[in-house]
Amino acid sequence: MLNKNTVYHFVGIKGSGMSALALVLHGEGYQVQGSDVATYFFTQQELENQAIKILEFSPENIEEGQTIIAGNAFSDEHPELVKAKELGLPIYRYHTFIGDLLDHYTSIAVTGSHGKTSTTGLLSHTLKNLAPLSYLIGDGTGFGDEDSTYFALEACEYRRHFMAYRPDYAIITNIDFDHPDYYKSIDDVFSAFNDFSQQAKKGIIAWGDDPYLSKLESNVPIYRYGLNANHLFHAANIERTQAGSEFDVFINKQLFGHFYLPAYGQHNILNALAVITFLYLEGFKAKDIAEQMKTFAGVKRRFSVRQVQDLIIIDDYAHHPSEIKATIDAAQQKYPDRRVVAIFQPHTFSRTVALLTEFAEALSIADHVHLVDIFTSAREQSGDVKIEDLAEMINDKVEIISQDHLSPLMDYKNEVLLFMGAGDIDHLARQFETAYARLHVKNL
């Protein structure tokens, strides 16, 4: 499959996964190019930095000697794929290509309903300075090393995409009901993860306190981690401060090492524990792991902090009630003396209506709440729920805002404004940031 003499052409190269995979192959020394629409996407910035050729869609892009990697958003009738088939070129779908690629490394697939991106980011950051590594993260980050012996990737459970992978190790952070547009129930979700676990070749690393992961079946050893001393790998003596989190890790009740993580919230301690478990299994020493882990700067759109005047603005991808709770908890840890204001944009109508009560309960933890209208995407344009339905379930401290109605946010002065969602709320955060700065400079 891998050949230095072929050109790997990506149909839909600006997709987050596709751009990351293109960067991996490019970094490993392969010839890479791709095509997409002319519209600018943030994912193309690093492709341009690496001088990877980006073309506009056209059958003329397809030539003899190429290997085609096609994004899942494009049907077999796409003009470039039709031309590739006429020429008899090898055509791989994104997930299929990665599935075959993993066979060349010691591979680690990170999955779970929540925490995949952060955990993959932490694993990649820590491992890349300990051994040659290529990695692919769901936020569009990809890196290839020609000498890599390890490959770390984020494995998404949506539509069972991760079933294309047969990794050596699988890290499973948790199981929760999500993607109700595809999964019928929590049992359906568990079934998918259980099926995926059968494909791991060496071991499963699973959060031991998850009620569904406790029922996981696998043909390889399952290494459970958590805060409970009964787990083989557990964290204790935890100190959560404004500077981050410190903790000891015990393996089979024996002290392995002390670790500092510049991240917030209990969920990040669990993510770190999963990473430490894998690295221990691969023979890395505690002091070396700790040295790398302490410099982790986070991943895109996960608790990204900026300060404007006296305001703290945090942008986070949280789009599920469990993630909202974890993100608010992290903000309260880092800023214990400030009020936390949640600004939330629901993502998909199906998720909103299925988890309406849970969203209301999670958001009520904040000191004040603002809601943005439900994000519409190619996946869902309409549904049987309105943003007002969620507002009514929270309490009297909620207001609905939009890009044309930011006034309710302008009077905050010393709060933490927590913008959360998987849609385009990050653009709203930037718009507010600019407007707020202008207003308060004018009033000085």
Protein backbone atom coordinates (compact mmCIF):
# COMPACT_ATOMS: atom_id res chain seq x y z
CA MET A 1 0.00 0.00 0.00
CA LEU A 2 2.80 2.46 0.86
CA ASN A 3 5.01 3.40 -2.07
CA LYS A 4 7.48 6.29 -2.31
CA ASN A 5 7.10 6.28 -6.11
CA THR A 6 3.38 7.03 -6.18
CA VAL A 7 1.50 10.30 -5.61
CA TYR A 8 -1.20 10.10 -2.93
CA HIS A 9 -4.08 12.26 -4.09
CA PHE A 10 -6.66 13.22 -1.43
CA VAL A 11 -10.20 13.87 -2.66
CA GLY A 12 -11.47 16.35 -0.05
CA ILE A 13 -8.09 17.20 1.46
CA LYS A 14 -9.45 20.05 3.60
CA GLY A 15 -11.48 17.74 5.84
CA SER A 16 -10.06 17.62 9.37
CA GLY A 17 -9.18 13.92 9.22
CA MET A 18 -8.05 14.04 5.60
CA SER A 19 -5.76 17.03 6.11
CA ALA A 20 -4.23 15.37 9.18
CA LEU A 21 -3.60 12.13 7.26
CA ALA A 22 -2.06 14.09 4.38
CA LEU A 23 0.33 15.71 6.86
CA VAL A 24 1.25 12.30 8.28
CA LEU A 25 2.14 10.85 4.87
CA HIS A 26 3.98 14.02 3.87
CA GLY A 27 6.01 13.94 7.08
CA GLU A 28 6.93 10.32 6.45
CA GLY A 29 8.38 11.27 3.08
CA TYR A 30 5.58 10.35 0.65
CA GLN A 31 4.39 12.47 -2.28
CA VAL A 32 1.08 14.11 -1.34
CA GLN A 33 -1.40 16.42 -3.03
CA GLY A 34 -5.16 16.90 -2.84
CA SER A 35 -8.26 18.66 -4.09
CA ASP A 36 -11.24 20.42 -2.53
CA VAL A 37 -13.56 23.39 -2.94
CA ALA A 38 -12.01 26.84 -3.27
CA THR A 39 -13.49 28.07 0.05
CA TYR A 40 -10.85 28.64 2.73
CA PHE A 41 -10.80 26.22 5.68
CA PHE A 42 -8.52 26.52 8.70
CA THR A 43 -7.25 23.00 8.02
CA GLN A 44 -5.46 24.13 4.86
CA GLN A 45 -3.09 26.44 6.73
CA GLU A 46 -0.68 23.70 7.80
CA LEU A 47 -0.97 22.02 4.39
CA GLU A 48 0.17 25.29 2.83
CA ASN A 49 2.93 25.64 5.43
CA GLN A 50 4.22 22.24 4.32
CA ALA A 51 3.94 23.21 0.62
CA ILE A 52 1.39 20.46 -0.07
CA LYS A 53 -0.36 21.13 -3.37
CA ILE A 54 -4.10 21.93 -3.04
CA LEU A 55 -6.15 21.92 -6.23
CA GLU A 56 -9.79 22.73 -6.97
CA PHE A 57 -11.94 19.70 -7.74
CA SER A 58 -11.52 18.56 -11.35
CA PRO A 59 -11.20 15.22 -13.14
CA GLU A 60 -8.02 16.64 -14.69
CA ASN A 61 -6.33 16.28 -11.29
CA ILE A 62 -6.43 12.49 -11.63
CA GLU A 63 -3.47 10.96 -13.47
CA GLU A 64 -1.78 7.63 -14.02
CA GLY A 65 0.44 6.47 -11.18
CA GLN A 66 -1.63 8.00 -8.38
CA THR A 67 -3.15 6.33 -5.33
CA ILE A 68 -6.48 7.91 -4.40
CA ILE A 69 -7.65 8.51 -0.84
CA ALA A 70 -11.29 9.62 -0.76
CA GLY A 71 -13.06 11.46 2.03
CA ASN A 72 -16.23 9.81 3.28
CA ALA A 73 -18.32 12.87 2.37
CA PHE A 74 -17.89 12.15 -1.35
CA SER A 75 -19.85 9.48 -3.22
CA ASP A 76 -18.45 7.13 -5.84
CA GLU A 77 -20.05 9.41 -8.43
CA HIS A 78 -17.71 12.28 -7.64
CA PRO A 79 -16.03 13.25 -10.96
CA GLU A 80 -12.52 12.65 -9.63
CA LEU A 81 -13.43 9.19 -8.35
CA VAL A 82 -15.14 8.32 -11.63
CA LYS A 83 -11.95 9.30 -13.50
CA ALA A 84 -9.79 7.31 -11.07
CA LYS A 85 -11.93 4.23 -11.62
CA GLU A 86 -11.70 4.64 -15.41
CA LEU A 87 -7.89 4.69 -15.11
CA GLY A 88 -7.91 1.65 -12.85
CA LEU A 89 -6.18 3.49 -9.99
CA PRO A 90 -6.23 2.11 -6.44
CA ILE A 91 -8.94 3.92 -4.45
CA TYR A 92 -9.10 3.87 -0.63
CA ARG A 93 -11.69 5.39 1.63
CA TYR A 94 -10.21 7.42 4.48
CA HIS A 95 -10.88 4.95 7.29
CA THR A 96 -9.90 1.93 5.20
CA PHE A 97 -6.55 3.49 4.32
CA ILE A 98 -5.79 4.26 7.95
CA GLY A 99 -6.84 0.76 8.96
CA ASP A 100 -4.25 -0.71 6.59
CA LEU A 101 -1.66 1.90 7.56
CA LEU A 102 -1.74 0.88 11.23
CA ASP A 103 -0.25 -2.51 10.43
CA HIS A 104 3.14 -0.84 9.89
CA TYR A 105 3.51 0.38 13.50
CA THR A 106 2.80 -0.31 17.13
CA SER A 107 -0.56 1.43 17.02
CA ILE A 108 -2.70 3.03 19.72
CA ALA A 109 -6.30 3.98 18.94
CA VAL A 110 -7.91 6.37 21.41
CA THR A 111 -11.69 6.23 21.52
CA GLY A 112 -14.63 6.85 23.86
CA SER A 113 -17.73 9.01 23.94
CA HIS A 114 -15.79 11.91 25.48
CA GLY A 115 -12.14 12.90 25.81
CA LYS A 116 -10.78 11.33 22.62
CA THR A 117 -9.10 14.44 21.24
CA SER A 118 -7.58 15.60 24.53
CA THR A 119 -6.28 12.12 25.35
CA THR A 120 -4.82 11.58 21.87
CA GLY A 121 -3.21 15.01 22.10
CA LEU A 122 -1.66 14.25 25.49
CA LEU A 123 -0.47 10.82 24.35
CA SER A 124 1.09 12.27 21.19
CA HIS A 125 2.77 15.12 23.05
CA THR A 126 4.25 12.79 25.66
CA LEU A 127 5.27 9.90 23.42
CA LYS A 128 6.78 11.88 20.52
CA ASN A 129 9.72 12.92 22.69
CA LEU A 130 10.27 9.38 23.98
CA ALA A 131 10.15 7.39 20.70
CA PRO A 132 9.67 8.00 16.95
CA LEU A 133 5.95 8.66 16.46
CA SER A 134 3.41 9.57 13.82
CA TYR A 135 0.00 10.75 15.02
CA LEU A 136 -3.42 11.87 13.86
CA ILE A 137 -5.74 13.91 16.11
CA GLY A 138 -9.39 14.72 15.48
CA ASP A 139 -8.82 18.47 15.66
CA GLY A 140 -7.05 18.35 12.28
CA THR A 141 -3.54 17.87 13.64
CA GLY A 142 -1.32 15.38 11.86
CA PHE A 143 2.40 14.64 12.10
CA GLY A 144 4.58 12.08 10.35
CA ASP A 145 8.06 10.85 11.25
CA GLU A 146 9.94 8.76 8.67
CA ASP A 147 11.45 6.70 11.48
CA SER A 148 8.22 6.25 13.42
CA THR A 149 7.69 2.97 15.23
CA TYR A 150 4.47 4.13 16.94
CA PHE A 151 1.25 5.50 15.49
CA ALA A 152 -1.35 7.20 17.71
CA LEU A 153 -4.75 8.17 16.39
CA GLU A 154 -8.16 9.33 17.50
CA ALA A 155 -10.75 6.70 16.59
CA CYS A 156 -14.31 8.00 16.18
CA GLU A 157 -17.27 5.80 17.05
CA TYR A 158 -19.76 7.74 14.87
CA ARG A 159 -21.40 5.36 12.38
CA ARG A 160 -18.97 2.73 13.69
CA HIS A 161 -16.13 4.29 11.70
CA PHE A 162 -13.60 2.83 14.14
CA MET A 163 -14.45 -0.69 13.00
CA ALA A 164 -11.98 -0.11 10.14
CA TYR A 165 -9.13 -0.17 12.66
CA ARG A 166 -7.26 -3.13 14.16
CA PRO A 167 -4.89 -1.41 16.60
CA ASP A 168 -2.37 -3.03 18.89
CA TYR A 169 -3.81 -1.11 21.85
CA ALA A 170 -7.14 0.65 22.35
CA ILE A 171 -7.66 3.32 24.98
CA ILE A 172 -11.39 3.64 25.76
CA THR A 173 -12.11 6.65 27.96
CA ASN A 174 -15.85 6.11 28.61
CA ILE A 175 -19.18 5.07 27.07
CA ASP A 176 -22.14 7.45 26.98
CA PHE A 177 -25.23 7.91 24.84
CA ASP A 178 -24.46 10.25 21.97
CA HIS A 179 -25.03 10.56 18.21
CA PRO A 180 -28.76 9.77 18.55
CA ASP A 181 -29.12 10.36 14.81
CA TYR A 182 -27.29 7.04 14.36
CA TYR A 183 -27.30 5.04 17.60
CA LYS A 184 -30.66 3.77 18.84
CA SER A 185 -29.78 3.49 22.55
CA ILE A 186 -26.94 3.32 25.05
CA ASP A 187 -26.92 -0.44 24.54
CA ASP A 188 -26.37 0.13 20.82
CA VAL A 189 -23.42 2.40 21.66
CA PHE A 190 -21.98 -0.23 24.02
CA SER A 191 -22.36 -2.89 21.35
CA ALA A 192 -20.23 -0.82 18.96
CA PHE A 193 -17.46 -0.30 21.52
CA ASN A 194 -17.57 -3.95 22.52
CA ASP A 195 -17.23 -5.01 18.88
CA PHE A 196 -14.33 -2.61 18.42
CA SER A 197 -12.54 -3.97 21.47
CA GLN A 198 -12.45 -7.41 19.83
CA GLN A 199 -10.10 -5.97 17.21
CA ALA A 200 -7.32 -4.88 19.57
CA LYS A 201 -4.25 -7.09 19.21
CA LYS A 202 -2.36 -6.54 22.48
CA GLY A 203 -4.52 -4.82 25.08
CA ILE A 204 -7.44 -2.59 26.09
CA ILE A 205 -6.91 0.34 28.46
CA ALA A 206 -10.30 1.25 29.94
CA TRP A 207 -11.69 3.59 32.59
CA GLY A 208 -12.51 1.22 35.42
CA ASP A 209 -15.41 3.17 36.93
CA ASP A 210 -17.49 3.30 33.75
CA PRO A 211 -20.52 1.02 34.23
CA TYR A 212 -20.51 -0.07 30.61
CA LEU A 213 -16.77 -0.54 30.26
CA SER A 214 -16.94 -2.85 33.28
CA LYS A 215 -18.94 -5.23 31.03
CA LEU A 216 -16.46 -5.04 28.15
CA GLU A 217 -15.37 -8.32 26.59
CA SER A 218 -12.06 -8.81 24.84
CA ASN A 219 -9.67 -11.51 23.73
CA VAL A 220 -6.72 -9.48 25.03
CA PRO A 221 -5.95 -8.21 28.55
CA ILE A 222 -8.05 -5.28 29.81
CA TYR A 223 -6.07 -2.84 31.95
CA ARG A 224 -8.42 -0.74 34.07
CA TYR A 225 -7.50 2.68 35.44
CA GLY A 226 -9.25 5.18 37.69
CA LEU A 227 -9.30 6.90 41.08
CA ASN A 228 -10.35 3.75 42.92
CA ALA A 229 -7.50 1.90 44.63
CA ASN A 230 -9.01 -1.40 43.50
CA HIS A 231 -7.98 -0.70 39.92
CA LEU A 232 -4.61 -2.00 38.70
CA PHE A 233 -3.65 1.56 37.70
CA HIS A 234 -4.96 4.31 39.96
CA ALA A 235 -4.26 7.94 40.87
CA ALA A 236 -4.16 9.15 44.47
CA ASN A 237 -2.97 12.11 46.55
CA ILE A 238 -4.57 14.43 44.02
CA GLU A 239 -4.06 18.19 44.33
CA ARG A 240 -6.12 20.40 42.01
CA THR A 241 -4.99 24.02 42.04
CA GLN A 242 -5.11 27.09 39.82
CA ALA A 243 -1.78 25.91 38.35
CA GLY A 244 -3.07 22.50 37.28
CA SER A 245 -3.26 19.03 38.76
CA GLU A 246 -0.72 16.90 40.64
CA PHE A 247 -1.13 13.25 41.58
CA ASP A 248 0.64 10.01 42.34
CA VAL A 249 0.13 6.93 40.19
CA PHE A 250 0.06 3.49 41.78
CA ILE A 251 0.34 0.25 39.81
CA ASN A 252 -0.90 -2.84 41.61
CA LYS A 253 -0.80 -0.70 44.80
CA GLN A 254 2.91 0.11 44.30
CA LEU A 255 3.95 3.75 43.72
CA PHE A 256 5.00 4.26 40.10
CA GLY A 257 5.61 8.01 40.10
CA HIS A 258 4.46 11.56 40.76
CA PHE A 259 3.00 13.62 37.91
CA TYR A 260 2.05 17.24 37.22
CA LEU A 261 -0.40 18.10 34.44
CA PRO A 262 -0.99 21.75 33.41
CA ALA A 263 -4.68 21.01 32.79
CA TYR A 264 -7.88 21.27 34.80
CA GLY A 265 -10.77 19.08 35.82
CA GLN A 266 -10.94 15.50 37.06
CA HIS A 267 -11.51 14.25 33.51
CA ASN A 268 -8.02 15.38 32.50
CA ILE A 269 -6.47 13.45 35.38
CA LEU A 270 -8.24 10.34 34.06
CA ASN A 271 -7.02 11.10 30.54
CA ALA A 272 -3.47 11.36 31.84
CA LEU A 273 -3.85 8.11 33.75
CA ALA A 274 -4.88 6.32 30.54
CA VAL A 275 -1.78 7.66 28.78
CA ILE A 276 0.50 6.70 31.67
CA THR A 277 -0.97 3.19 31.66
CA PHE A 278 -0.09 2.68 28.00
CA LEU A 279 3.40 4.11 28.37
CA TYR A 280 4.08 1.87 31.38
CA LEU A 281 2.96 -1.18 29.38
CA GLU A 282 5.44 -0.21 26.67
CA GLY A 283 8.29 0.03 29.20
CA PHE A 284 8.75 3.79 29.58
CA LYS A 285 9.98 5.16 32.92
CA ALA A 286 7.90 7.35 35.23
CA LYS A 287 10.43 10.19 35.38
CA ASP A 288 10.63 10.39 31.57
CA ILE A 289 6.84 10.36 31.21
CA ALA A 290 6.46 13.05 33.89
CA GLU A 291 9.10 15.25 32.26
CA GLN A 292 7.20 15.33 28.96
CA MET A 293 3.68 15.48 30.40
CA LYS A 294 4.34 18.62 32.42
CA THR A 295 4.77 20.68 29.23
CA PHE A 296 1.46 19.71 27.58
CA ALA A 297 -0.22 22.84 26.20
CA GLY A 298 -3.56 21.30 25.20
CA VAL A 299 -5.28 20.79 21.83
CA LYS A 300 -7.37 22.99 19.56
CA ARG A 301 -10.74 24.14 20.92
CA ARG A 302 -10.33 22.31 24.23
CA PHE A 303 -10.30 24.81 27.09
CA SER A 304 -8.53 27.48 25.03
CA VAL A 305 -8.09 30.50 27.29
CA ARG A 306 -7.79 34.16 26.29
CA GLN A 307 -8.03 37.33 28.38
CA VAL A 308 -9.74 40.52 27.19
CA GLN A 309 -9.58 43.42 29.62
CA ASP A 310 -10.63 41.84 32.93
CA LEU A 311 -12.64 39.06 31.29
CA ILE A 312 -11.48 35.46 30.86
CA ILE A 313 -12.80 33.92 27.63
CA ILE A 314 -12.63 30.14 27.21
CA ASP A 315 -13.46 28.34 23.99
CA ASP A 316 -14.30 24.64 24.30
CA TYR A 317 -15.72 21.93 22.03
CA ALA A 318 -18.01 20.57 24.79
CA HIS A 319 -21.31 19.56 23.14
CA HIS A 320 -22.65 16.79 25.41
CA PRO A 321 -23.97 17.20 28.98
CA SER A 322 -21.10 15.15 30.43
CA GLU A 323 -18.58 17.34 28.63
CA ILE A 324 -20.32 20.54 29.76
CA LYS A 325 -20.13 19.42 33.41
CA ALA A 326 -16.44 18.56 33.03
CA THR A 327 -15.63 21.88 31.37
CA ILE A 328 -17.45 23.94 34.02
CA ASP A 329 -15.64 21.92 36.70
CA ALA A 330 -12.30 22.73 35.03
CA ALA A 331 -13.16 26.46 34.89
CA GLN A 332 -14.12 26.49 38.56
CA GLN A 333 -10.80 24.83 39.44
CA LYS A 334 -8.70 27.31 37.47
CA TYR A 335 -10.73 30.40 38.47
CA PRO A 336 -12.22 29.68 41.92
CA ASP A 337 -12.82 33.37 42.69
CA ARG A 338 -14.71 34.25 39.50
CA ARG A 339 -18.29 33.65 38.39
CA VAL A 340 -18.54 31.16 35.52
CA VAL A 341 -20.91 32.12 32.68
CA ALA A 342 -21.88 29.31 30.28
CA ILE A 343 -22.57 30.30 26.67
CA PHE A 344 -23.75 27.20 24.86
CA GLN A 345 -24.70 26.35 21.27
CA PRO A 346 -26.39 22.92 20.93
CA HIS A 347 -25.13 20.76 18.06
CA THR A 348 -27.74 18.82 16.05
CA PHE A 349 -31.47 18.70 16.78
CA SER A 350 -31.44 14.97 17.47
CA ARG A 351 -28.86 15.29 20.24
CA THR A 352 -30.63 18.32 21.73
CA VAL A 353 -34.05 16.68 21.97
CA ALA A 354 -32.67 13.33 23.15
CA LEU A 355 -30.64 14.91 25.99
CA LEU A 356 -32.73 18.01 26.74
CA THR A 357 -33.11 17.34 30.48
CA GLU A 358 -29.43 16.42 30.85
CA PHE A 359 -28.36 19.62 29.06
CA ALA A 360 -30.49 21.72 31.42
CA GLU A 361 -29.04 20.02 34.49
CA ALA A 362 -25.45 20.40 33.30
CA LEU A 363 -25.77 24.07 32.36
CA SER A 364 -27.46 24.91 35.67
CA ILE A 365 -24.11 24.32 37.41
CA ALA A 366 -22.86 27.61 35.95
CA ASP A 367 -23.54 30.93 37.65
CA HIS A 368 -25.33 32.26 34.58
CA VAL A 369 -26.32 30.83 31.19
CA HIS A 370 -26.69 32.20 27.68
CA LEU A 371 -27.90 30.05 24.78
CA VAL A 372 -27.24 30.29 21.06
CA ASP A 373 -29.66 28.82 18.51
CA ILE A 374 -29.18 25.14 17.59
CA PHE A 375 -26.39 24.66 15.04
CA THR A 376 -27.61 23.37 11.69
CA SER A 377 -25.31 21.36 9.47
CA ALA A 378 -25.43 19.17 6.40
CA ARG A 379 -26.33 16.34 8.77
CA GLU A 380 -29.50 18.04 10.13
CA GLN A 381 -31.28 21.16 8.95
CA SER A 382 -34.34 21.03 11.23
CA GLY A 383 -35.91 19.11 14.11
CA ASP A 384 -38.65 18.88 16.72
CA VAL A 385 -36.98 21.09 19.30
CA LYS A 386 -36.24 24.82 19.64
CA ILE A 387 -33.64 26.63 21.70
CA GLU A 388 -36.48 28.14 23.74
CA ASP A 389 -37.38 24.62 24.91
CA LEU A 390 -33.97 24.26 26.53
CA ALA A 391 -34.09 27.79 27.96
CA GLU A 392 -37.39 27.07 29.72
CA MET A 393 -35.91 23.99 31.41
CA ILE A 394 -32.91 25.75 32.96
CA ASN A 395 -34.10 28.64 35.15
CA ASP A 396 -34.60 32.39 35.16
CA LYS A 397 -30.89 33.11 34.76
CA VAL A 398 -30.80 32.15 31.06
CA GLU A 399 -30.83 34.46 28.02
CA ILE A 400 -30.72 33.71 24.29
CA ILE A 401 -28.10 35.56 22.25
CA SER A 402 -26.88 35.62 18.63
CA GLN A 403 -24.28 37.34 16.46
CA ASP A 404 -26.80 40.19 16.10
CA HIS A 405 -27.60 40.30 19.81
CA LEU A 406 -24.48 40.29 21.99
CA SER A 407 -25.63 43.06 24.30
CA PRO A 408 -26.32 40.77 27.29
CA LEU A 409 -22.61 39.86 27.38
CA MET A 410 -21.26 43.40 27.27
CA ASP A 411 -21.82 44.20 30.94
CA TYR A 412 -19.61 41.40 32.29
CA LYS A 413 -16.34 42.63 33.78
CA ASN A 414 -14.56 40.02 35.89
CA GLU A 415 -16.27 36.78 34.95
CA VAL A 416 -15.19 33.64 33.10
CA LEU A 417 -17.14 33.42 29.84
CA LEU A 418 -17.23 29.79 28.76
CA PHE A 419 -18.18 29.42 25.07
CA MET A 420 -19.12 25.78 24.42
CA GLY A 421 -20.31 23.83 21.40
CA ALA A 422 -19.26 21.78 18.37
CA GLY A 423 -20.69 24.17 15.77
CA ASP A 424 -19.44 27.65 14.94
CA ILE A 425 -19.66 29.20 18.41
CA ASP A 426 -15.91 29.83 18.29
CA HIS A 427 -16.65 32.46 15.62
CA LEU A 428 -19.20 34.06 17.94
CA ALA A 429 -16.59 34.10 20.71
CA ARG A 430 -14.14 35.93 18.43
CA GLN A 431 -16.84 38.39 17.35
CA PHE A 432 -17.72 39.12 20.97
CA GLU A 433 -14.07 39.47 21.92
CA THR A 434 -13.52 42.12 19.23
CA ALA A 435 -16.72 44.01 20.09
CA TYR A 436 -16.03 43.91 23.84
CA ALA A 437 -12.46 45.17 23.42
CA ARG A 438 -13.60 48.07 21.21
CA LEU A 439 -16.38 49.06 23.60
CA HIS A 440 -14.17 49.12 26.65
CA VAL A 441 -11.27 50.88 24.94
CA LYS A 442 -13.76 53.56 23.85
CA ASN A 443 -14.99 53.91 27.43
CA LEU A 444 -11.54 54.30 28.97
